[in-house]
């Protein structure tokens, strides 16, 4: 298998992407932050989402080439929307993971015509030092008081305000990237996004990947990671009217579980909003949960 990497060109920028499958419907995947471009892992992604191929033609977009010095989530969303329009995509089934979920939220808010259904994995509507639980008047494990549905096992941790947060994780990763220690960056990155047992099993492999990281990779990582600073679309979630599926993890050490509940509580205008919380899959549930791609496919159907 060899997936061809293509480049979409607009009047302002170029952006790499690849697509796979030959189904009649269109899906778009927006990945999270990575030390090296996800384009390097295209074949693995295609294999991971193989069950989509007959029903969907799926596009996965990178961030733009030639990044500006300051590149916010709003900028990333604007550029991704422009790339989608350049390729003639609209009314897509959009899945964003982690930072990709933040981009997906901003994109959907500003470009409702581009998105028919929205799936959000391990993400948040705002990046703060500690997510609040002021809207959680229900007891842990109870249904939020709104007109949407919650599915699957879930629990709001009693210490949700004290859990790790996206801003703290990203700050520590950026510091390591600035130091030039790619092996340590991969180690700490993996430690935060994977369940402990899985991290211990593959930590040597992860550290080894650092040997292939260039200074250009680290500089790009820093710019993309820092673009998350100040992200907050919580007040605009009511503008999203399409069906939404939120997938979170009770043991997420990057995006606290409370963020998934906050998302659901804010999506009051969605025609059909569901929340499912994984247990024991970590932040990278989109990679570690065996039923993740099937769950997304069932929602998009």
Foldseek 3Di string as FASTA:
>chain_A
DDWDWDWFDDPPFIWIKTKAADAPAEEEEEEDFDLFWCVVVVVVVCVLLVVCRHHYIYMYITFTPPDDQAAALLNRLVVVLVSCVSVVAWQHEYEYAASRLCSVLSNCLVCVRRHQEYEYALYFQAFDQFDDPVQVPDAWFDDRPADAEEDEGGTQDPVRRVFAEQVVLLVVLLVCLVVVQQLVSQLSVLCQFFFPVVSVVCSVVSSVVSVVRDNVSSSVSNNSSVSRPGRHCLVSLCSRAHEYEYEEECAARYHHPVRSVSSQVSNRNYPHYYYYYHYRGYSVVVPRVPCNSVVSVVVVD
